[in-house]
Amino acid sequence: AGDPLYDELWHACAGPLVTVPRVGDLVFYFPQGHIEQVEASMNQVAGNQMRLYDLPSKLLCRVINVELKAEADTDEVYAQVMLMPEPEVSSTVNSAEFTLGGFSSSSA
């Protein structure tokens, strides 16, 4: 995208309550939420995949890319967000401000 008009149109279609994290933001990624979305889209049940992969309930990540997109068939808008796990930190991170799909924003 990169076009300010496209970004404005995308946000108008998404609605006033939608907030998308920016590149550089810290967010919590929730693997369980992602697994549930994949299950729903494939009409399958993943069962104990969290245990199978030994995943924590949440991972602190940095947003490294955000692309605002729309489904060609339905015009439904969505954000594709690329995350990079942060090294484990001992400092406390404030709780999430919003949840979007399998991740949630956090102020650092």
PDB file of N, CA and C in Angstrom:
ATOM      1  N   ALA A   1       0.844  -1.182   0.000  1.00  0.00           N
ATOM      2  CA  ALA A   1       0.000   0.000   0.000  1.00  0.00           C
ATOM      3  C   ALA A   1       0.884   1.238   0.000  1.00  0.00           C
ATOM      4  N   GLY A   2       1.209   1.815   1.163  1.00  0.00           N
ATOM      5  CA  GLY A   2       2.061   2.982   1.219  1.00  0.00           C
ATOM      6  C   GLY A   2       1.392   4.263   0.747  1.00  0.00           C
ATOM      7  N   ASP A   3       0.249   4.174   0.087  1.00  0.00           N
ATOM      8  CA  ASP A   3      -0.488   5.320  -0.423  1.00  0.00           C
ATOM      9  C   ASP A   3      -1.393   5.851   0.691  1.00  0.00           C
ATOM     10  N   PRO A   4      -1.238   7.136   1.061  1.00  0.00           N
ATOM     11  CA  PRO A   4      -2.064   7.683   2.152  1.00  0.00           C
ATOM     12  C   PRO A   4      -3.567   7.558   1.879  1.00  0.00           C
ATOM     13  N   LEU A   5      -3.980   7.703   0.622  1.00  0.00           N
ATOM     14  CA  LEU A   5      -5.388   7.582   0.279  1.00  0.00           C
ATOM     15  C   LEU A   5      -5.877   6.138   0.514  1.00  0.00           C
ATOM     16  N   TYR A   6      -5.041   5.145   0.151  1.00  0.00           N
ATOM     17  CA  TYR A   6      -5.379   3.736   0.387  1.00  0.00           C
ATOM     18  C   TYR A   6      -5.516   3.486   1.885  1.00  0.00           C
ATOM     19  N   ASP A   7      -4.556   3.988   2.672  1.00  0.00           N
ATOM     20  CA  ASP A   7      -4.597   3.800   4.124  1.00  0.00           C
ATOM     21  C   ASP A   7      -5.873   4.407   4.715  1.00  0.00           C
ATOM     22  N   GLU A   8      -6.242   5.604   4.249  1.00  0.00           N
ATOM     23  CA  GLU A   8      -7.451   6.275   4.747  1.00  0.00           C
ATOM     24  C   GLU A   8      -8.699   5.476   4.373  1.00  0.00           C
ATOM     25  N   LEU A   9      -8.759   4.982   3.135  1.00  0.00           N
ATOM     26  CA  LEU A   9      -9.890   4.170   2.688  1.00  0.00           C
ATOM     27  C   LEU A   9      -9.963   2.868   3.485  1.00  0.00           C
ATOM     28  N   TRP A  10      -8.807   2.232   3.712  1.00  0.00           N
ATOM     29  CA  TRP A  10      -8.769   0.977   4.481  1.00  0.00           C
ATOM     30  C   TRP A  10      -9.344   1.216   5.875  1.00  0.00           C
ATOM     31  N   HIS A  11      -8.879   2.288   6.541  1.00  0.00           N
ATOM     32  CA  HIS A  11      -9.363   2.579   7.894  1.00  0.00           C
ATOM     33  C   HIS A  11     -10.848   2.921   7.901  1.00  0.00           C
ATOM     34  N   ALA A  12     -11.341   3.592   6.858  1.00  0.00           N
ATOM     35  CA  ALA A  12     -12.769   3.897   6.766  1.00  0.00           C
ATOM     36  C   ALA A  12     -13.579   2.609   6.646  1.00  0.00           C
ATOM     37  N   CYS A  13     -13.080   1.646   5.873  1.00  0.00           N
ATOM     38  CA  CYS A  13     -13.764   0.355   5.715  1.00  0.00           C
ATOM     39  C   CYS A  13     -13.683  -0.482   6.992  1.00  0.00           C
ATOM     40  N   ALA A  14     -12.570  -0.402   7.694  1.00  0.00           N
ATOM     41  CA  ALA A  14     -12.374  -1.194   8.918  1.00  0.00           C
ATOM     42  C   ALA A  14     -13.252  -0.688  10.061  1.00  0.00           C
ATOM     43  N   GLY A  15     -13.502   0.603  10.095  1.00  0.00           N
ATOM     44  CA  GLY A  15     -14.343   1.181  11.138  1.00  0.00           C
ATOM     45  C   GLY A  15     -13.545   1.919  12.186  1.00  0.00           C
ATOM     46  N   PRO A  16     -14.208   2.784  12.936  1.00  0.00           N
ATOM     47  CA  PRO A  16     -13.522   3.667  13.887  1.00  0.00           C
ATOM     48  C   PRO A  16     -12.938   2.960  15.109  1.00  0.00           C
ATOM     49  N   LEU A  17     -13.379   1.753  15.401  1.00  0.00           N
ATOM     50  CA  LEU A  17     -12.888   1.055  16.591  1.00  0.00           C
ATOM     51  C   LEU A  17     -11.667   0.189  16.324  1.00  0.00           C
ATOM     52  N   VAL A  18     -11.228   0.100  15.076  1.00  0.00           N
ATOM     53  CA  VAL A  18     -10.091  -0.746  14.713  1.00  0.00           C
ATOM     54  C   VAL A  18      -8.793   0.032  14.888  1.00  0.00           C
ATOM     55  N   THR A  19      -7.873  -0.552  15.615  1.00  0.00           N
ATOM     56  CA  THR A  19      -6.541   0.010  15.805  1.00  0.00           C
ATOM     57  C   THR A  19      -5.526  -1.030  15.357  1.00  0.00           C
ATOM     58  N   VAL A  20      -4.578  -0.603  14.550  1.00  0.00           N
ATOM     59  CA  VAL A  20      -3.549  -1.507  14.032  1.00  0.00           C
ATOM     60  C   VAL A  20      -2.214  -1.074  14.629  1.00  0.00           C
ATOM     61  N   PRO A  21      -1.427  -2.035  15.137  1.00  0.00           N
ATOM     62  CA  PRO A  21      -0.123  -1.656  15.689  1.00  0.00           C
ATOM     63  C   PRO A  21       0.790  -1.116  14.598  1.00  0.00           C
ATOM     64  N   ARG A  22       1.742  -0.283  14.996  1.00  0.00           N
ATOM     65  CA  ARG A  22       2.707   0.297  14.055  1.00  0.00           C
ATOM     66  C   ARG A  22       4.025  -0.460  14.134  1.00  0.00           C
ATOM     67  N   VAL A  23       4.798  -0.353  13.073  1.00  0.00           N
ATOM     68  CA  VAL A  23       6.126  -0.960  13.048  1.00  0.00           C
ATOM     69  C   VAL A  23       6.913  -0.421  14.242  1.00  0.00           C
ATOM     70  N   GLY A  24       7.542  -1.334  14.969  1.00  0.00           N
ATOM     71  CA  GLY A  24       8.321  -0.967  16.152  1.00  0.00           C
ATOM     72  C   GLY A  24       7.569  -1.164  17.461  1.00  0.00           C
ATOM     73  N   ASP A  25       6.227  -1.240  17.403  1.00  0.00           N
ATOM     74  CA  ASP A  25       5.442  -1.456  18.619  1.00  0.00           C
ATOM     75  C   ASP A  25       5.738  -2.829  19.206  1.00  0.00           C
ATOM     76  N   LEU A  26       5.587  -2.931  20.528  1.00  0.00           N
ATOM     77  CA  LEU A  26       5.642  -4.230  21.195  1.00  0.00           C
ATOM     78  C   LEU A  26       4.218  -4.736  21.340  1.00  0.00           C
ATOM     79  N   VAL A  27       4.012  -6.000  21.042  1.00  0.00           N
ATOM     80  CA  VAL A  27       2.691  -6.615  21.149  1.00  0.00           C
ATOM     81  C   VAL A  27       2.839  -7.990  21.785  1.00  0.00           C
ATOM     82  N   PHE A  28       1.760  -8.466  22.364  1.00  0.00           N
ATOM     83  CA  PHE A  28       1.719  -9.846  22.818  1.00  0.00           C
ATOM     84  C   PHE A  28       1.058 -10.670  21.730  1.00  0.00           C
ATOM     85  N   TYR A  29       1.691 -11.766  21.370  1.00  0.00           N
ATOM     86  CA  TYR A  29       1.132 -12.717  20.415  1.00  0.00           C
ATOM     87  C   TYR A  29       0.594 -13.892  21.219  1.00  0.00           C
ATOM     88  N   PHE A  30      -0.660 -14.265  20.957  1.00  0.00           N
ATOM     89  CA  PHE A  30      -1.309 -15.365  21.660  1.00  0.00           C
ATOM     90  C   PHE A  30      -1.462 -16.544  20.703  1.00  0.00           C
ATOM     91  N   PRO A  31      -0.568 -17.547  20.800  1.00  0.00           N
ATOM     92  CA  PRO A  31      -0.639 -18.692  19.887  1.00  0.00           C
ATOM     93  C   PRO A  31      -2.004 -19.383  19.887  1.00  0.00           C
ATOM     94  N   GLN A  32      -2.649 -19.475  21.054  1.00  0.00           N
ATOM     95  CA  GLN A  32      -3.946 -20.148  21.128  1.00  0.00           C
ATOM     96  C   GLN A  32      -4.968 -19.446  20.239  1.00  0.00           C
ATOM     97  N   GLY A  33      -4.968 -18.111  20.237  1.00  0.00           N
ATOM     98  CA  GLY A  33      -5.894 -17.358  19.390  1.00  0.00           C
ATOM     99  C   GLY A  33      -5.640 -17.628  17.922  1.00  0.00           C
ATOM    100  N   HIS A  34      -4.382 -17.725  17.553  1.00  0.00           N
ATOM    101  CA  HIS A  34      -4.017 -18.015  16.164  1.00  0.00           C
ATOM    102  C   HIS A  34      -4.487 -19.423  15.788  1.00  0.00           C
ATOM    103  N   ILE A  35      -4.230 -20.392  16.656  1.00  0.00           N
ATOM    104  CA  ILE A  35      -4.634 -21.774  16.401  1.00  0.00           C
ATOM    105  C   ILE A  35      -6.154 -21.859  16.242  1.00  0.00           C
ATOM    106  N   GLU A  36      -6.897 -21.128  17.091  1.00  0.00           N
ATOM    107  CA  GLU A  36      -8.356 -21.139  16.999  1.00  0.00           C
ATOM    108  C   GLU A  36      -8.835 -20.559  15.674  1.00  0.00           C
ATOM    109  N   GLN A  37      -8.167 -19.506  15.182  1.00  0.00           N
ATOM    110  CA  GLN A  37      -8.554 -18.918  13.893  1.00  0.00           C
ATOM    111  C   GLN A  37      -8.273 -19.886  12.750  1.00  0.00           C
ATOM    112  N   VAL A  38      -7.142 -20.571  12.809  1.00  0.00           N
ATOM    113  CA  VAL A  38      -6.807 -21.554  11.771  1.00  0.00           C
ATOM    114  C   VAL A  38      -7.827 -22.691  11.793  1.00  0.00           C
ATOM    115  N   GLU A  39      -8.166 -23.168  13.001  1.00  0.00           N
ATOM    116  CA  GLU A  39      -9.171 -24.227  13.130  1.00  0.00           C
ATOM    117  C   GLU A  39     -10.484 -23.801  12.490  1.00  0.00           C
ATOM    118  N   ALA A  40     -10.924 -22.579  12.792  1.00  0.00           N
ATOM    119  CA  ALA A  40     -12.200 -22.095  12.276  1.00  0.00           C
ATOM    120  C   ALA A  40     -12.176 -21.993  10.755  1.00  0.00           C
ATOM    121  N   SER A  41     -11.070 -21.524  10.210  1.00  0.00           N
ATOM    122  CA  SER A  41     -10.994 -21.363   8.755  1.00  0.00           C
ATOM    123  C   SER A  41     -10.896 -22.707   8.041  1.00  0.00           C
ATOM    124  N   MET A  42     -10.387 -23.736   8.729  1.00  0.00           N
ATOM    125  CA  MET A  42     -10.240 -25.052   8.119  1.00  0.00           C
ATOM    126  C   MET A  42     -11.317 -26.033   8.572  1.00  0.00           C
ATOM    127  N   ASN A  43     -12.233 -25.553   9.446  1.00  0.00           N
ATOM    128  CA  ASN A  43     -13.280 -26.410  10.002  1.00  0.00           C
ATOM    129  C   ASN A  43     -12.712 -27.664  10.646  1.00  0.00           C
ATOM    130  N   GLN A  44     -11.624 -27.493  11.403  1.00  0.00           N
ATOM    131  CA  GLN A  44     -10.979 -28.604  12.098  1.00  0.00           C
ATOM    132  C   GLN A  44     -10.723 -28.202  13.543  1.00  0.00           C
ATOM    133  N   VAL A  45     -10.422 -29.178  14.358  1.00  0.00           N
ATOM    134  CA  VAL A  45     -10.078 -28.924  15.757  1.00  0.00           C
ATOM    135  C   VAL A  45      -8.639 -29.354  15.963  1.00  0.00           C
ATOM    136  N   ALA A  46      -7.810 -28.431  16.485  1.00  0.00           N
ATOM    137  CA  ALA A  46      -6.382 -28.710  16.661  1.00  0.00           C
ATOM    138  C   ALA A  46      -6.102 -29.531  17.911  1.00  0.00           C
ATOM    139  N   GLY A  47      -7.033 -29.559  18.842  1.00  0.00           N
ATOM    140  CA  GLY A  47      -6.838 -30.366  20.048  1.00  0.00           C
ATOM    141  C   GLY A  47      -5.735 -29.836  20.935  1.00  0.00           C
ATOM    142  N   ASN A  48      -4.706 -30.630  21.149  1.00  0.00           N
ATOM    143  CA  ASN A  48      -3.637 -30.274  22.084  1.00  0.00           C
ATOM    144  C   ASN A  48      -2.386 -29.754  21.389  1.00  0.00           C
ATOM    145  N   GLN A  49      -2.515 -28.990  20.343  1.00  0.00           N
ATOM    146  CA  GLN A  49      -1.337 -28.486  19.641  1.00  0.00           C
ATOM    147  C   GLN A  49      -0.484 -27.586  20.514  1.00  0.00           C
ATOM    148  N   MET A  50      -1.101 -26.838  21.430  1.00  0.00           N
ATOM    149  CA  MET A  50      -0.312 -25.990  22.319  1.00  0.00           C
ATOM    150  C   MET A  50       0.683 -26.856  23.090  1.00  0.00           C
ATOM    151  N   ARG A  51       0.227 -27.984  23.597  1.00  0.00           N
ATOM    152  CA  ARG A  51       1.116 -28.868  24.332  1.00  0.00           C
ATOM    153  C   ARG A  51       2.112 -29.533  23.393  1.00  0.00           C
ATOM    154  N   LEU A  52       1.652 -29.907  22.208  1.00  0.00           N
ATOM    155  CA  LEU A  52       2.507 -30.567  21.234  1.00  0.00           C
ATOM    156  C   LEU A  52       3.732 -29.701  20.909  1.00  0.00           C
ATOM    157  N   TYR A  53       3.517 -28.416  20.734  1.00  0.00           N
ATOM    158  CA  TYR A  53       4.621 -27.516  20.397  1.00  0.00           C
ATOM    159  C   TYR A  53       5.240 -26.866  21.627  1.00  0.00           C
ATOM    160  N   ASP A  54       4.696 -27.139  22.807  1.00  0.00           N
ATOM    161  CA  ASP A  54       5.189 -26.576  24.067  1.00  0.00           C
ATOM    162  C   ASP A  54       5.274 -25.052  23.980  1.00  0.00           C
ATOM    163  N   LEU A  55       4.186 -24.425  23.536  1.00  0.00           N
ATOM    164  CA  LEU A  55       4.149 -22.974  23.382  1.00  0.00           C
ATOM    165  C   LEU A  55       3.652 -22.306  24.655  1.00  0.00           C
ATOM    166  N   PRO A  56       4.240 -21.157  25.005  1.00  0.00           N
ATOM    167  CA  PRO A  56       3.705 -20.397  26.141  1.00  0.00           C
ATOM    168  C   PRO A  56       2.361 -19.782  25.741  1.00  0.00           C
ATOM    169  N   SER A  57       1.608 -19.308  26.728  1.00  0.00           N
ATOM    170  CA  SER A  57       0.290 -18.736  26.440  1.00  0.00           C
ATOM    171  C   SER A  57       0.395 -17.411  25.700  1.00  0.00           C
ATOM    172  N   LYS A  58       1.503 -16.686  25.875  1.00  0.00           N
ATOM    173  CA  LYS A  58       1.711 -15.433  25.139  1.00  0.00           C
ATOM    174  C   LYS A  58       3.206 -15.210  24.935  1.00  0.00           C
ATOM    175  N   LEU A  59       3.518 -14.523  23.839  1.00  0.00           N
ATOM    176  CA  LEU A  59       4.905 -14.203  23.501  1.00  0.00           C
ATOM    177  C   LEU A  59       5.013 -12.705  23.256  1.00  0.00           C
ATOM    178  N   LEU A  60       5.986 -12.053  23.867  1.00  0.00           N
ATOM    179  CA  LEU A  60       6.228 -10.640  23.614  1.00  0.00           C
ATOM    180  C   LEU A  60       6.976 -10.519  22.287  1.00  0.00           C
ATOM    181  N   CYS A  61       6.431  -9.731  21.370  1.00  0.00           N
ATOM    182  CA  CYS A  61       7.023  -9.585  20.033  1.00  0.00           C
ATOM    183  C   CYS A  61       7.092  -8.120  19.639  1.00  0.00           C
ATOM    184  N   ARG A  62       7.974  -7.835  18.682  1.00  0.00           N
ATOM    185  CA  ARG A  62       8.058  -6.506  18.090  1.00  0.00           C
ATOM    186  C   ARG A  62       7.447  -6.585  16.695  1.00  0.00           C
ATOM    187  N   VAL A  63       6.640  -5.584  16.347  1.00  0.00           N
ATOM    188  CA  VAL A  63       6.036  -5.508  15.017  1.00  0.00           C
ATOM    189  C   VAL A  63       7.129  -5.058  14.045  1.00  0.00           C
ATOM    190  N   ILE A  64       7.386  -5.876  13.012  1.00  0.00           N
ATOM    191  CA  ILE A  64       8.425  -5.504  12.043  1.00  0.00           C
ATOM    192  C   ILE A  64       7.854  -5.132  10.681  1.00  0.00           C
ATOM    193  N   ASN A  65       6.567  -5.433  10.439  1.00  0.00           N
ATOM    194  CA  ASN A  65       5.931  -5.010   9.190  1.00  0.00           C
ATOM    195  C   ASN A  65       4.420  -5.070   9.358  1.00  0.00           C
ATOM    196  N   VAL A  66       3.724  -4.128   8.735  1.00  0.00           N
ATOM    197  CA  VAL A  66       2.263  -4.115   8.730  1.00  0.00           C
ATOM    198  C   VAL A  66       1.808  -3.817   7.313  1.00  0.00           C
ATOM    199  N   GLU A  67       0.933  -4.673   6.790  1.00  0.00           N
ATOM    200  CA  GLU A  67       0.347  -4.450   5.472  1.00  0.00           C
ATOM    201  C   GLU A  67      -1.171  -4.437   5.617  1.00  0.00           C
ATOM    202  N   LEU A  68      -1.806  -3.367   5.123  1.00  0.00           N
ATOM    203  CA  LEU A  68      -3.259  -3.259   5.139  1.00  0.00           C
ATOM    204  C   LEU A  68      -3.770  -3.856   3.841  1.00  0.00           C
ATOM    205  N   LYS A  69      -4.647  -4.857   3.958  1.00  0.00           N
ATOM    206  CA  LYS A  69      -5.084  -5.604   2.779  1.00  0.00           C
ATOM    207  C   LYS A  69      -6.597  -5.748   2.759  1.00  0.00           C
ATOM    208  N   ALA A  70      -7.095  -6.264   1.619  1.00  0.00           N
ATOM    209  CA  ALA A  70      -8.520  -6.574   1.475  1.00  0.00           C
ATOM    210  C   ALA A  70      -8.650  -7.867   0.686  1.00  0.00           C
ATOM    211  N   GLU A  71      -9.607  -8.719   1.087  1.00  0.00           N
ATOM    212  CA  GLU A  71      -9.903  -9.951   0.355  1.00  0.00           C
ATOM    213  C   GLU A  71     -10.476  -9.577  -1.008  1.00  0.00           C
ATOM    214  N   ALA A  72      -9.931 -10.153  -2.067  1.00  0.00           N
ATOM    215  CA  ALA A  72     -10.388  -9.842  -3.421  1.00  0.00           C
ATOM    216  C   ALA A  72     -11.847 -10.233  -3.642  1.00  0.00           C
ATOM    217  N   ASP A  73     -12.262 -11.374  -3.096  1.00  0.00           N
ATOM    218  CA  ASP A  73     -13.625 -11.872  -3.338  1.00  0.00           C
ATOM    219  C   ASP A  73     -14.688 -11.138  -2.529  1.00  0.00           C
ATOM    220  N   THR A  74     -14.339 -10.736  -1.309  1.00  0.00           N
ATOM    221  CA  THR A  74     -15.346 -10.177  -0.391  1.00  0.00           C
ATOM    222  C   THR A  74     -15.126  -8.709  -0.047  1.00  0.00           C
ATOM    223  N   ASP A  75     -13.969  -8.156  -0.379  1.00  0.00           N
ATOM    224  CA  ASP A  75     -13.580  -6.791   0.006  1.00  0.00           C
ATOM    225  C   ASP A  75     -13.439  -6.616   1.516  1.00  0.00           C
ATOM    226  N   GLU A  76     -13.410  -7.735   2.262  1.00  0.00           N
ATOM    227  CA  GLU A  76     -13.203  -7.654   3.704  1.00  0.00           C
ATOM    228  C   GLU A  76     -11.768  -7.203   3.966  1.00  0.00           C
ATOM    229  N   VAL A  77     -11.606  -6.183   4.818  1.00  0.00           N
ATOM    230  CA  VAL A  77     -10.273  -5.654   5.102  1.00  0.00           C
ATOM    231  C   VAL A  77      -9.652  -6.390   6.279  1.00  0.00           C
ATOM    232  N   TYR A  78      -8.323  -6.505   6.234  1.00  0.00           N
ATOM    233  CA  TYR A  78      -7.571  -7.120   7.326  1.00  0.00           C
ATOM    234  C   TYR A  78      -6.153  -6.561   7.302  1.00  0.00           C
ATOM    235  N   ALA A  79      -5.455  -6.734   8.414  1.00  0.00           N
ATOM    236  CA  ALA A  79      -4.061  -6.305   8.515  1.00  0.00           C
ATOM    237  C   ALA A  79      -3.187  -7.543   8.632  1.00  0.00           C
ATOM    238  N   GLN A  80      -2.169  -7.606   7.787  1.00  0.00           N
ATOM    239  CA  GLN A  80      -1.180  -8.679   7.901  1.00  0.00           C
ATOM    240  C   GLN A  80      -0.006  -8.093   8.673  1.00  0.00           C
ATOM    241  N   VAL A  81       0.244  -8.654   9.852  1.00  0.00           N
ATOM    242  CA  VAL A  81       1.254  -8.106  10.763  1.00  0.00           C
ATOM    243  C   VAL A  81       2.364  -9.135  10.944  1.00  0.00           C
ATOM    244  N   MET A  82       3.605  -8.719  10.665  1.00  0.00           N
ATOM    245  CA  MET A  82       4.755  -9.606  10.847  1.00  0.00           C
ATOM    246  C   MET A  82       5.400  -9.285  12.190  1.00  0.00           C
ATOM    247  N   LEU A  83       5.600 -10.342  12.992  1.00  0.00           N
ATOM    248  CA  LEU A  83       6.138 -10.184  14.344  1.00  0.00           C
ATOM    249  C   LEU A  83       7.481 -10.877  14.493  1.00  0.00           C
ATOM    250  N   MET A  84       8.326 -10.319  15.346  1.00  0.00           N
ATOM    251  CA  MET A  84       9.608 -10.926  15.699  1.00  0.00           C
ATOM    252  C   MET A  84       9.620 -11.091  17.216  1.00  0.00           C
ATOM    253  N   PRO A  85       9.746 -12.335  17.710  1.00  0.00           N
ATOM    254  CA  PRO A  85       9.785 -12.528  19.168  1.00  0.00           C
ATOM    255  C   PRO A  85      10.923 -11.730  19.799  1.00  0.00           C
ATOM    256  N   GLU A  86      10.635 -11.125  20.923  1.00  0.00           N
ATOM    257  CA  GLU A  86      11.636 -10.381  21.685  1.00  0.00           C
ATOM    258  C   GLU A  86      12.373 -11.355  22.601  1.00  0.00           C
ATOM    259  N   PRO A  87      13.627 -11.078  22.885  1.00  0.00           N
ATOM    260  CA  PRO A  87      14.328 -11.919  23.872  1.00  0.00           C
ATOM    261  C   PRO A  87      13.583 -11.818  25.208  1.00  0.00           C
ATOM    262  N   GLU A  88      13.668 -12.855  25.999  1.00  0.00           N
ATOM    263  CA  GLU A  88      12.970 -12.833  27.286  1.00  0.00           C
ATOM    264  C   GLU A  88      13.466 -11.654  28.104  1.00  0.00           C
ATOM    265  N   VAL A  89      12.515 -10.902  28.662  1.00  0.00           N
ATOM    266  CA  VAL A  89      12.855  -9.743  29.476  1.00  0.00           C
ATOM    267  C   VAL A  89      12.328  -9.938  30.886  1.00  0.00           C
ATOM    268  N   SER A  90      13.079  -9.443  31.843  1.00  0.00           N
ATOM    269  CA  SER A  90      12.656  -9.591  33.227  1.00  0.00           C
ATOM    270  C   SER A  90      11.816  -8.403  33.676  1.00  0.00           C
ATOM    271  N   SER A  91      11.869  -7.285  32.920  1.00  0.00           N
ATOM    272  CA  SER A  91      11.092  -6.113  33.319  1.00  0.00           C
ATOM    273  C   SER A  91       9.615  -6.341  33.033  1.00  0.00           C
ATOM    274  N   THR A  92       8.780  -5.642  33.771  1.00  0.00           N
ATOM    275  CA  THR A  92       7.337  -5.784  33.618  1.00  0.00           C
ATOM    276  C   THR A  92       6.867  -4.940  32.445  1.00  0.00           C
ATOM    277  N   VAL A  93       6.011  -5.521  31.627  1.00  0.00           N
ATOM    278  CA  VAL A  93       5.416  -4.804  30.508  1.00  0.00           C
ATOM    279  C   VAL A  93       3.962  -4.558  30.863  1.00  0.00           C
ATOM    280  N   ASN A  94       3.480  -3.336  30.598  1.00  0.00           N
ATOM    281  CA  ASN A  94       2.088  -3.011  30.909  1.00  0.00           C
ATOM    282  C   ASN A  94       1.140  -3.940  30.165  1.00  0.00           C
ATOM    283  N   SER A  95      -0.020  -4.155  30.722  1.00  0.00           N
ATOM    284  CA  SER A  95      -0.988  -5.071  30.111  1.00  0.00           C
ATOM    285  C   SER A  95      -1.499  -4.522  28.788  1.00  0.00           C
ATOM    286  N   ALA A  96      -2.089  -5.386  28.012  1.00  0.00           N
ATOM    287  CA  ALA A  96      -2.509  -5.073  26.655  1.00  0.00           C
ATOM    288  C   ALA A  96      -3.590  -4.000  26.622  1.00  0.00           C
ATOM    289  N   GLU A  97      -3.566  -3.193  25.559  1.00  0.00           N
ATOM    290  CA  GLU A  97      -4.586  -2.179  25.354  1.00  0.00           C
ATOM    291  C   GLU A  97      -5.666  -2.679  24.417  1.00  0.00           C
ATOM    292  N   PHE A  98      -5.333  -3.553  23.486  1.00  0.00           N
ATOM    293  CA  PHE A  98      -6.337  -4.093  22.576  1.00  0.00           C
ATOM    294  C   PHE A  98      -5.911  -5.451  22.078  1.00  0.00           C
ATOM    295  N   THR A  99      -6.878  -6.208  21.613  1.00  0.00           N
ATOM    296  CA  THR A  99      -6.609  -7.526  21.064  1.00  0.00           C
ATOM    297  C   THR A  99      -7.110  -7.563  19.641  1.00  0.00           C
ATOM    298  N   LEU A 100      -6.316  -8.115  18.744  1.00  0.00           N
ATOM    299  CA  LEU A 100      -6.657  -8.151  17.335  1.00  0.00           C
ATOM    300  C   LEU A 100      -6.178  -9.480  16.798  1.00  0.00           C
ATOM    301  N   GLY A 101      -7.078 -10.385  16.509  1.00  0.00           N
ATOM    302  CA  GLY A 101      -6.678 -11.702  16.015  1.00  0.00           C
ATOM    303  C   GLY A 101      -5.900 -12.440  17.077  1.00  0.00           C
ATOM    304  N   GLY A 102      -4.696 -12.863  16.736  1.00  0.00           N
ATOM    305  CA  GLY A 102      -3.882 -13.626  17.670  1.00  0.00           C
ATOM    306  C   GLY A 102      -2.876 -12.790  18.401  1.00  0.00           C
ATOM    307  N   PHE A 103      -2.992 -11.455  18.341  1.00  0.00           N
ATOM    308  CA  PHE A 103      -2.013 -10.640  19.048  1.00  0.00           C
ATOM    309  C   PHE A 103      -2.687  -9.464  19.710  1.00  0.00           C
ATOM    310  N   SER A 104      -1.966  -8.781  20.564  1.00  0.00           N
ATOM    311  CA  SER A 104      -2.515  -7.677  21.327  1.00  0.00           C
ATOM    312  C   SER A 104      -1.407  -6.665  21.551  1.00  0.00           C
ATOM    313  N   SER A 105      -1.746  -5.377  21.549  1.00  0.00           N
ATOM    314  CA  SER A 105      -0.709  -4.351  21.693  1.00  0.00           C
ATOM    315  C   SER A 105      -0.329  -4.161  23.140  1.00  0.00           C
ATOM    316  N   SER A 106       0.856  -3.645  23.334  1.00  0.00           N
ATOM    317  CA  SER A 106       1.364  -3.405  24.672  1.00  0.00           C
ATOM    318  C   SER A 106       2.222  -2.152  24.635  1.00  0.00           C
ATOM    319  N   SER A 107       2.124  -1.331  25.657  1.00  0.00           N
ATOM    320  CA  SER A 107       3.022  -0.197  25.732  1.00  0.00           C
ATOM    321  C   SER A 107       4.286  -0.631  26.430  1.00  0.00           C
ATOM    322  N   ALA A 108       5.403  -0.127  25.966  1.00  0.00           N
ATOM    323  CA  ALA A 108       6.691  -0.551  26.545  1.00  0.00           C
ATOM    324  C   ALA A 108       7.319   0.587  27.307  1.00  0.00           C
TER     325      ALA A 108
END
